[in-house]
């Protein structure tokens, strides 16, 4: 899996990078082979009403892209919340794919209604 971490209007702290690596490892453990790439963007926002930071996760999975955005005052809790939400979305995506992958027997003329 390819990981890209970028900071906008700020430098990415080592503690944030460590948290991202921990959360990435957890995702890889729970969803092996599903995630193709992951981009984490941490942005310092200028609007005081929205909070000081925005964390955005963009994840490439086969035939789809999953995006999670979180805004708040502190980066570490936002990272945890964003990765938790991403994990739930990936779990739901896998569930839907399993359901659509089931083979349904076609209706034949000999079947009665």
N, C-alpha and C. Protein backbone atom coordinates (compact mmCIF):
# COMPACT_ATOMS: atom_id res chain seq x y z
N UNK A 1 0.85 -1.18 0.00
CA UNK A 1 0.00 0.00 0.00
C UNK A 1 0.89 1.24 0.00
N UNK A 2 0.52 2.17 -0.84
CA UNK A 2 1.26 3.43 -0.92
C UNK A 2 0.63 4.43 0.05
N UNK A 3 1.46 5.08 0.87
CA UNK A 3 1.00 6.07 1.83
C UNK A 3 1.65 7.41 1.52
N UNK A 4 0.83 8.46 1.47
CA UNK A 4 1.34 9.81 1.26
C UNK A 4 0.74 10.70 2.33
N UNK A 5 1.60 11.40 3.07
CA UNK A 5 1.15 12.32 4.13
C UNK A 5 1.61 13.71 3.74
N UNK A 6 0.66 14.66 3.78
CA UNK A 6 1.02 16.03 3.45
C UNK A 6 0.38 17.00 4.42
N UNK A 7 1.08 18.08 4.68
CA UNK A 7 0.56 19.14 5.52
C UNK A 7 0.37 20.40 4.69
N UNK A 8 -0.74 21.05 4.92
CA UNK A 8 -1.01 22.32 4.22
C UNK A 8 -1.06 23.43 5.26
N UNK A 9 -0.26 24.44 5.06
CA UNK A 9 -0.14 25.59 5.97
C UNK A 9 0.46 25.18 7.31
N UNK A 10 1.12 24.01 7.37
CA UNK A 10 1.77 23.56 8.60
C UNK A 10 2.75 22.45 8.28
N UNK A 11 3.62 22.13 9.24
CA UNK A 11 4.53 21.00 9.12
C UNK A 11 3.94 19.83 9.89
N UNK A 12 4.06 18.63 9.33
CA UNK A 12 3.52 17.43 9.98
C UNK A 12 4.45 17.05 11.13
N UNK A 13 3.88 16.97 12.33
CA UNK A 13 4.67 16.62 13.52
C UNK A 13 4.95 15.12 13.56
N UNK A 14 6.04 14.77 14.25
CA UNK A 14 6.42 13.37 14.37
C UNK A 14 5.33 12.58 15.09
N UNK A 15 4.70 13.15 16.11
CA UNK A 15 3.65 12.44 16.85
C UNK A 15 2.45 12.15 15.94
N UNK A 16 2.14 13.07 15.03
CA UNK A 16 1.05 12.84 14.09
C UNK A 16 1.42 11.72 13.11
N UNK A 17 2.67 11.75 12.63
CA UNK A 17 3.14 10.73 11.71
C UNK A 17 3.11 9.36 12.38
N UNK A 18 3.52 9.29 13.65
CA UNK A 18 3.47 8.02 14.38
C UNK A 18 2.04 7.51 14.51
N UNK A 19 1.09 8.41 14.80
CA UNK A 19 -0.31 8.03 14.92
C UNK A 19 -0.85 7.51 13.57
N UNK A 20 -0.46 8.18 12.50
CA UNK A 20 -0.88 7.75 11.16
C UNK A 20 -0.34 6.36 10.86
N UNK A 21 0.92 6.11 11.20
CA UNK A 21 1.51 4.79 10.96
C UNK A 21 0.80 3.71 11.77
N UNK A 22 0.44 4.00 13.02
CA UNK A 22 -0.29 3.04 13.86
C UNK A 22 -1.67 2.73 13.26
N UNK A 23 -2.38 3.77 12.86
CA UNK A 23 -3.71 3.59 12.29
C UNK A 23 -3.65 2.86 10.95
N UNK A 24 -2.63 3.16 10.16
CA UNK A 24 -2.44 2.47 8.87
C UNK A 24 -2.22 0.98 9.11
N UNK A 25 -1.39 0.64 10.10
CA UNK A 25 -1.12 -0.77 10.41
C UNK A 25 -2.41 -1.48 10.85
N UNK A 26 -3.23 -0.78 11.62
CA UNK A 26 -4.50 -1.36 12.07
C UNK A 26 -5.43 -1.63 10.87
N UNK A 27 -5.51 -0.66 9.96
CA UNK A 27 -6.34 -0.85 8.76
C UNK A 27 -5.83 -2.02 7.92
N UNK A 28 -4.53 -2.13 7.77
CA UNK A 28 -3.96 -3.22 6.97
C UNK A 28 -4.24 -4.57 7.62
N UNK A 29 -4.26 -4.60 8.94
CA UNK A 29 -4.54 -5.84 9.67
C UNK A 29 -6.01 -6.25 9.50
N UNK A 30 -6.91 -5.29 9.56
CA UNK A 30 -8.34 -5.57 9.49
C UNK A 30 -8.87 -5.71 8.06
N UNK A 31 -8.21 -5.08 7.10
CA UNK A 31 -8.65 -5.10 5.70
C UNK A 31 -7.47 -5.44 4.79
N UNK A 32 -6.90 -6.64 4.93
CA UNK A 32 -5.72 -6.98 4.13
C UNK A 32 -6.02 -7.03 2.63
N UNK A 33 -5.17 -6.38 1.86
CA UNK A 33 -5.29 -6.42 0.42
C UNK A 33 -6.37 -5.53 -0.18
N UNK A 34 -7.16 -4.86 0.64
CA UNK A 34 -8.24 -4.04 0.12
C UNK A 34 -7.76 -2.65 -0.28
N UNK A 35 -6.88 -2.05 0.52
CA UNK A 35 -6.45 -0.67 0.30
C UNK A 35 -5.27 -0.64 -0.65
N UNK A 36 -5.42 0.10 -1.75
CA UNK A 36 -4.35 0.23 -2.73
C UNK A 36 -3.43 1.40 -2.38
N UNK A 37 -4.03 2.53 -2.01
CA UNK A 37 -3.23 3.69 -1.60
C UNK A 37 -4.02 4.53 -0.60
N UNK A 38 -3.29 5.33 0.15
CA UNK A 38 -3.89 6.17 1.19
C UNK A 38 -3.18 7.51 1.19
N UNK A 39 -3.96 8.58 1.11
CA UNK A 39 -3.40 9.93 1.20
C UNK A 39 -4.01 10.62 2.41
N UNK A 40 -3.15 11.11 3.29
CA UNK A 40 -3.58 11.81 4.50
C UNK A 40 -3.16 13.26 4.35
N UNK A 41 -4.13 14.16 4.44
CA UNK A 41 -3.84 15.59 4.36
C UNK A 41 -4.28 16.25 5.65
N UNK A 42 -3.36 16.97 6.28
CA UNK A 42 -3.66 17.73 7.49
C UNK A 42 -3.51 19.20 7.13
N UNK A 43 -4.61 19.92 7.31
CA UNK A 43 -4.61 21.33 6.89
C UNK A 43 -4.98 22.22 8.06
N UNK A 44 -4.23 23.31 8.21
CA UNK A 44 -4.59 24.31 9.21
C UNK A 44 -5.54 25.29 8.53
N UNK A 45 -6.76 25.38 9.07
CA UNK A 45 -7.77 26.23 8.46
C UNK A 45 -7.69 27.63 9.06
N UNK A 46 -8.20 28.59 8.31
CA UNK A 46 -8.16 29.97 8.78
C UNK A 46 -9.45 30.38 9.46
N UNK A 47 -10.49 29.58 9.29
CA UNK A 47 -11.79 29.93 9.87
C UNK A 47 -11.87 29.44 11.32
N UNK A 48 -12.08 30.33 12.24
CA UNK A 48 -12.14 29.95 13.65
C UNK A 48 -13.45 29.24 13.99
N UNK A 49 -14.49 29.41 13.17
CA UNK A 49 -15.76 28.75 13.45
C UNK A 49 -15.70 27.26 13.16
N UNK A 50 -14.87 26.85 12.21
CA UNK A 50 -14.77 25.44 11.84
C UNK A 50 -13.77 24.69 12.69
N UNK A 51 -13.02 25.36 13.49
CA UNK A 51 -11.94 24.70 14.21
C UNK A 51 -10.63 25.03 13.53
N UNK A 52 -9.54 24.63 14.15
CA UNK A 52 -8.24 25.01 13.63
C UNK A 52 -7.67 24.09 12.59
N UNK A 53 -8.17 22.84 12.49
CA UNK A 53 -7.56 21.88 11.59
C UNK A 53 -8.62 21.07 10.83
N UNK A 54 -8.19 20.57 9.67
CA UNK A 54 -9.01 19.65 8.90
C UNK A 54 -8.14 18.47 8.51
N UNK A 55 -8.64 17.26 8.77
CA UNK A 55 -7.95 16.03 8.39
C UNK A 55 -8.77 15.38 7.28
N UNK A 56 -8.10 15.04 6.19
CA UNK A 56 -8.78 14.42 5.05
C UNK A 56 -8.03 13.13 4.70
N UNK A 57 -8.78 12.02 4.61
CA UNK A 57 -8.23 10.74 4.19
C UNK A 57 -8.85 10.37 2.85
N UNK A 58 -8.02 10.09 1.87
CA UNK A 58 -8.49 9.64 0.56
C UNK A 58 -7.87 8.27 0.33
N UNK A 59 -8.75 7.27 0.19
CA UNK A 59 -8.30 5.89 0.09
C UNK A 59 -8.73 5.29 -1.23
N UNK A 60 -7.77 4.72 -1.94
CA UNK A 60 -8.08 4.02 -3.18
C UNK A 60 -8.27 2.54 -2.90
N UNK A 61 -9.41 2.02 -3.29
CA UNK A 61 -9.70 0.59 -3.19
C UNK A 61 -10.08 0.13 -4.60
N UNK A 62 -10.06 -1.18 -4.87
CA UNK A 62 -10.39 -1.62 -6.22
C UNK A 62 -11.76 -1.10 -6.68
N UNK A 63 -11.78 -0.41 -7.79
CA UNK A 63 -12.98 0.12 -8.43
C UNK A 63 -13.72 1.19 -7.62
N UNK A 64 -13.06 1.82 -6.66
CA UNK A 64 -13.75 2.82 -5.84
C UNK A 64 -12.74 3.71 -5.11
N UNK A 65 -13.22 4.80 -4.55
CA UNK A 65 -12.44 5.70 -3.71
C UNK A 65 -13.28 6.05 -2.50
N UNK A 66 -12.66 6.03 -1.33
CA UNK A 66 -13.35 6.37 -0.09
C UNK A 66 -12.69 7.62 0.49
N UNK A 67 -13.51 8.63 0.82
CA UNK A 67 -13.01 9.90 1.34
C UNK A 67 -13.64 10.17 2.70
N UNK A 68 -12.80 10.59 3.66
CA UNK A 68 -13.27 10.95 4.99
C UNK A 68 -12.67 12.31 5.34
N UNK A 69 -13.52 13.23 5.83
CA UNK A 69 -13.06 14.56 6.27
C UNK A 69 -13.51 14.80 7.69
N UNK A 70 -12.64 15.37 8.50
CA UNK A 70 -12.97 15.75 9.87
C UNK A 70 -12.35 17.10 10.17
N UNK A 71 -13.10 17.94 10.90
CA UNK A 71 -12.61 19.26 11.30
C UNK A 71 -12.69 19.40 12.80
N UNK A 72 -11.70 20.11 13.38
CA UNK A 72 -11.71 20.32 14.82
C UNK A 72 -10.51 21.12 15.28
N UNK A 73 -10.33 21.14 16.61
CA UNK A 73 -9.30 21.97 17.22
C UNK A 73 -7.97 21.28 17.43
N UNK A 74 -7.95 19.94 17.44
CA UNK A 74 -6.74 19.20 17.73
C UNK A 74 -6.56 18.07 16.72
N UNK A 75 -5.36 17.89 16.22
CA UNK A 75 -5.12 16.95 15.13
C UNK A 75 -5.19 15.49 15.58
N UNK A 76 -4.58 15.15 16.70
CA UNK A 76 -4.51 13.74 17.13
C UNK A 76 -5.90 13.10 17.26
N UNK A 77 -6.86 13.71 17.96
CA UNK A 77 -8.19 13.10 18.02
C UNK A 77 -8.89 13.05 16.66
N UNK A 78 -8.63 14.02 15.81
CA UNK A 78 -9.21 14.02 14.47
C UNK A 78 -8.68 12.85 13.65
N UNK A 79 -7.39 12.56 13.79
CA UNK A 79 -6.81 11.43 13.07
C UNK A 79 -7.47 10.12 13.50
N UNK A 80 -7.62 9.93 14.82
CA UNK A 80 -8.23 8.71 15.33
C UNK A 80 -9.67 8.58 14.84
N UNK A 81 -10.42 9.67 14.92
CA UNK A 81 -11.82 9.65 14.49
C UNK A 81 -11.94 9.38 12.99
N UNK A 82 -11.07 10.02 12.20
CA UNK A 82 -11.11 9.84 10.75
C UNK A 82 -10.77 8.40 10.37
N UNK A 83 -9.75 7.83 11.00
CA UNK A 83 -9.38 6.45 10.69
C UNK A 83 -10.44 5.46 11.16
N UNK A 84 -11.08 5.73 12.30
CA UNK A 84 -12.19 4.87 12.75
C UNK A 84 -13.34 4.90 11.74
N UNK A 85 -13.68 6.08 11.26
CA UNK A 85 -14.74 6.22 10.27
C UNK A 85 -14.36 5.52 8.97
N UNK A 86 -13.11 5.66 8.57
CA UNK A 86 -12.64 4.98 7.36
C UNK A 86 -12.76 3.47 7.52
N UNK A 87 -12.39 2.96 8.68
CA UNK A 87 -12.51 1.52 8.93
C UNK A 87 -13.94 1.05 8.82
N UNK A 88 -14.89 1.81 9.35
CA UNK A 88 -16.30 1.45 9.25
C UNK A 88 -16.79 1.48 7.80
N UNK A 89 -16.34 2.48 7.05
CA UNK A 89 -16.75 2.58 5.65
C UNK A 89 -16.19 1.42 4.83
N UNK A 90 -14.95 1.02 5.11
CA UNK A 90 -14.36 -0.10 4.40
C UNK A 90 -15.08 -1.40 4.75
N UNK A 91 -15.46 -1.55 6.01
CA UNK A 91 -16.20 -2.73 6.44
C UNK A 91 -17.55 -2.81 5.71
N UNK A 92 -18.23 -1.68 5.61
CA UNK A 92 -19.51 -1.62 4.91
C UNK A 92 -19.33 -1.90 3.41
N UNK A 93 -18.27 -1.38 2.83
CA UNK A 93 -17.97 -1.62 1.42
C UNK A 93 -17.75 -3.11 1.16
N UNK A 94 -17.01 -3.77 2.05
CA UNK A 94 -16.78 -5.20 1.90
C UNK A 94 -18.08 -5.99 2.06
N UNK A 95 -18.93 -5.58 3.00
CA UNK A 95 -20.21 -6.25 3.20
C UNK A 95 -21.07 -6.16 1.95
N UNK A 96 -21.14 -4.96 1.36
CA UNK A 96 -21.94 -4.77 0.15
C UNK A 96 -21.39 -5.60 -1.01
N UNK A 97 -20.08 -5.67 -1.12
CA UNK A 97 -19.48 -6.45 -2.20
C UNK A 97 -19.75 -7.94 -2.02
N UNK A 98 -19.75 -8.41 -0.78
CA UNK A 98 -20.07 -9.82 -0.53
C UNK A 98 -21.51 -10.12 -0.92
N UNK A 99 -22.41 -9.20 -0.60
CA UNK A 99 -23.82 -9.41 -0.93
C UNK A 99 -24.04 -9.44 -2.43
N UNK A 100 -23.44 -8.53 -3.16
CA UNK A 100 -23.64 -8.48 -4.60
C UNK A 100 -22.89 -9.59 -5.30
N UNK A 101 -21.94 -10.19 -4.65
CA UNK A 101 -21.17 -11.28 -5.25
C UNK A 101 -21.86 -12.62 -5.15
N UNK A 102 -22.97 -12.71 -4.42
CA UNK A 102 -23.69 -13.97 -4.28
C UNK A 102 -24.36 -14.34 -5.60
N UNK A 103 -24.32 -15.61 -5.90
CA UNK A 103 -24.91 -16.09 -7.14
C UNK A 103 -26.39 -16.38 -6.90
N UNK A 104 -27.23 -15.79 -7.69
CA UNK A 104 -28.67 -16.00 -7.60
C UNK A 104 -29.07 -16.87 -8.77
N UNK A 105 -29.77 -17.94 -8.49
CA UNK A 105 -30.18 -18.84 -9.56
C UNK A 105 -31.25 -18.15 -10.41
N UNK A 106 -31.11 -18.22 -11.71
CA UNK A 106 -32.10 -17.55 -12.57
C UNK A 106 -33.45 -18.27 -12.51
N UNK A 107 -34.49 -17.53 -12.75
CA UNK A 107 -35.85 -18.06 -12.75
C UNK A 107 -36.05 -18.86 -14.04
N UNK A 108 -36.59 -20.06 -13.90
CA UNK A 108 -36.84 -20.87 -15.08
C UNK A 108 -38.35 -21.00 -15.30
N UNK A 109 -38.74 -21.39 -16.50
CA UNK A 109 -40.15 -21.50 -16.84
C UNK A 109 -40.83 -22.63 -16.07
N UNK A 110 -40.07 -23.61 -15.58
CA UNK A 110 -40.67 -24.73 -14.86
C UNK A 110 -41.01 -24.36 -13.43
N UNK A 111 -40.44 -23.27 -12.92
CA UNK A 111 -40.75 -22.83 -11.56
C UNK A 111 -42.18 -22.31 -11.52
N UNK A 112 -42.86 -22.61 -10.40
CA UNK A 112 -44.23 -22.14 -10.26
C UNK A 112 -44.25 -20.82 -9.51
N UNK A 113 -45.23 -20.04 -9.80
CA UNK A 113 -45.36 -18.75 -9.13
C UNK A 113 -46.20 -18.84 -7.92
